[in-house]
Amino acid sequence: MGTVKISYITYRHIISRRAECAEWHVELVMHRMAGVIAAPTHIGRLGTTPNKIELYKLADGDPCGVCVSLKCLHGETWVNTAFPLGGRSLQKHLRTGKLGTVEQQQGSLFNNL
């Protein structure tokens, strides 16, 4: 995938939005974001924007997984947002086909970026 960038505004936005829910959400998302981008277990599109994809990973021992939304602009990949995603939400997105395992989605999502 190459370099993934995050703007300071997006970084601050992620922190402030996660802090509204719980301080541990901030810590979880910030500590896991790079690992999710580097080696997601699930990938898909939660929305309809063609230049965005979502990556997901649940690390052993974490209370929930982390979803990182990436967008491609002018050939660069940027973090759009990141948030905790619990098991029930993951199962819903798997059932609707919005997320799938990396093996299931191999190459299909990146064709439009």
Protein backbone atom coordinates (compact mmCIF):
# COMPACT_ATOMS: atom_id res chain seq x y z
CA MET A 1 0.00 0.00 0.00
CA GLY A 2 2.92 2.39 0.56
CA THR A 3 2.84 5.45 2.78
CA VAL A 4 -0.34 6.31 4.65
CA LYS A 5 -0.57 9.90 5.87
CA ILE A 6 -2.60 11.48 8.65
CA SER A 7 -3.21 15.20 8.93
CA TYR A 8 -2.97 16.96 12.26
CA ILE A 9 -6.63 17.97 11.96
CA THR A 10 -7.69 14.33 11.48
CA TYR A 11 -5.46 13.23 14.35
CA ARG A 12 -7.05 15.80 16.70
CA HIS A 13 -10.53 14.92 15.44
CA ILE A 14 -10.01 11.21 16.17
CA ILE A 15 -8.79 12.00 19.69
CA SER A 16 -11.65 14.37 20.49
CA ARG A 17 -14.35 12.04 19.09
CA ARG A 18 -13.04 8.97 20.92
CA ALA A 19 -12.61 10.93 24.17
CA GLU A 20 -16.34 11.79 24.07
CA CYS A 21 -17.08 8.09 24.62
CA ALA A 22 -14.30 6.89 26.90
CA GLU A 23 -10.62 7.61 27.48
CA TRP A 24 -9.73 3.98 26.78
CA HIS A 25 -11.18 4.40 23.27
CA VAL A 26 -8.52 7.04 22.56
CA GLU A 27 -5.74 4.79 23.84
CA LEU A 28 -7.02 1.73 21.97
CA VAL A 29 -7.41 3.52 18.63
CA MET A 30 -4.10 5.39 18.81
CA HIS A 31 -2.12 2.33 19.92
CA ARG A 32 -3.63 0.01 17.30
CA MET A 33 -4.01 2.25 14.24
CA ALA A 34 -0.64 1.45 12.62
CA GLY A 35 -1.12 -2.30 13.16
CA VAL A 36 -4.56 -2.21 11.58
CA ILE A 37 -3.18 -0.42 8.52
CA ALA A 38 -0.18 -2.75 8.26
CA ALA A 39 -2.03 -6.05 8.71
CA PRO A 40 -5.84 -5.87 8.74
CA THR A 41 -7.90 -9.01 9.17
CA HIS A 42 -10.96 -7.52 7.48
CA ILE A 43 -11.44 -4.97 4.72
CA GLY A 44 -14.42 -3.38 3.03
CA ARG A 45 -16.55 -0.32 2.47
CA LEU A 46 -18.94 0.81 5.18
CA GLY A 47 -20.15 3.72 3.03
CA THR A 48 -20.64 4.40 -0.64
CA THR A 49 -17.73 6.73 -1.33
CA PRO A 50 -15.63 5.03 -4.02
CA ASN A 51 -12.25 6.42 -2.87
CA LYS A 52 -12.61 5.18 0.74
CA ILE A 53 -12.00 1.78 2.29
CA GLU A 54 -12.17 0.51 5.86
CA LEU A 55 -9.62 -1.77 7.48
CA TYR A 56 -10.35 -3.73 10.67
CA LYS A 57 -8.37 -5.78 13.16
CA LEU A 58 -9.01 -7.22 16.62
CA ALA A 59 -5.83 -7.70 18.64
CA ASP A 60 -5.66 -10.46 21.26
CA GLY A 61 -6.78 -9.19 24.66
CA ASP A 62 -8.49 -6.03 23.38
CA PRO A 63 -12.13 -5.43 24.35
CA CYS A 64 -13.01 -4.62 20.73
CA GLY A 65 -11.37 -4.17 17.38
CA VAL A 66 -10.29 -0.99 15.62
CA CYS A 67 -11.57 0.17 12.26
CA VAL A 68 -9.48 2.63 10.23
CA SER A 69 -11.04 4.45 7.30
CA LEU A 70 -8.63 5.40 4.52
CA LYS A 71 -9.21 7.69 1.56
CA CYS A 72 -7.24 8.06 -1.63
CA LEU A 73 -6.76 11.62 -2.90
CA HIS A 74 -4.60 12.48 -5.89
CA GLY A 75 -2.63 9.24 -5.58
CA GLU A 76 -1.98 9.62 -1.83
CA THR A 77 -3.53 7.52 0.93
CA TRP A 78 -4.80 9.38 4.00
CA VAL A 79 -6.42 8.31 7.26
CA ASN A 80 -10.00 9.57 7.19
CA THR A 81 -10.96 8.42 10.70
CA ALA A 82 -10.47 5.56 13.16
CA PHE A 83 -12.78 4.13 15.79
CA PRO A 84 -13.43 1.09 18.01
CA LEU A 85 -15.73 -1.49 16.44
CA GLY A 86 -17.30 -4.14 18.64
CA GLY A 87 -18.17 -7.72 17.82
CA ARG A 88 -21.88 -7.13 17.13
CA SER A 89 -21.12 -4.33 14.67
CA LEU A 90 -18.45 -6.44 12.99
CA GLN A 91 -20.91 -9.34 12.59
CA LYS A 92 -23.53 -6.98 11.12
CA HIS A 93 -21.04 -5.66 8.55
CA LEU A 94 -19.93 -9.21 7.70
CA ARG A 95 -23.55 -10.32 7.19
CA THR A 96 -24.31 -7.37 4.91
CA GLY A 97 -21.08 -7.83 2.95
CA LYS A 98 -19.74 -4.40 3.83
CA LEU A 99 -16.69 -6.04 5.43
CA GLY A 100 -15.02 -9.32 4.58
CA THR A 101 -11.80 -11.09 5.37
CA VAL A 102 -8.74 -9.86 3.52
CA GLU A 103 -8.67 -13.15 1.60
CA GLN A 104 -12.29 -12.73 0.48
CA GLN A 105 -11.76 -9.16 -0.71
CA GLN A 106 -8.31 -9.67 -2.29
CA GLY A 107 -7.88 -6.97 -4.93
CA SER A 108 -11.57 -6.21 -5.47
CA LEU A 109 -11.71 -3.00 -3.42
CA PHE A 110 -8.42 -1.51 -4.55
CA ASN A 111 -9.44 -1.47 -8.21
CA ASN A 112 -11.49 1.71 -7.71
CA LEU A 113 -8.99 3.69 -5.64
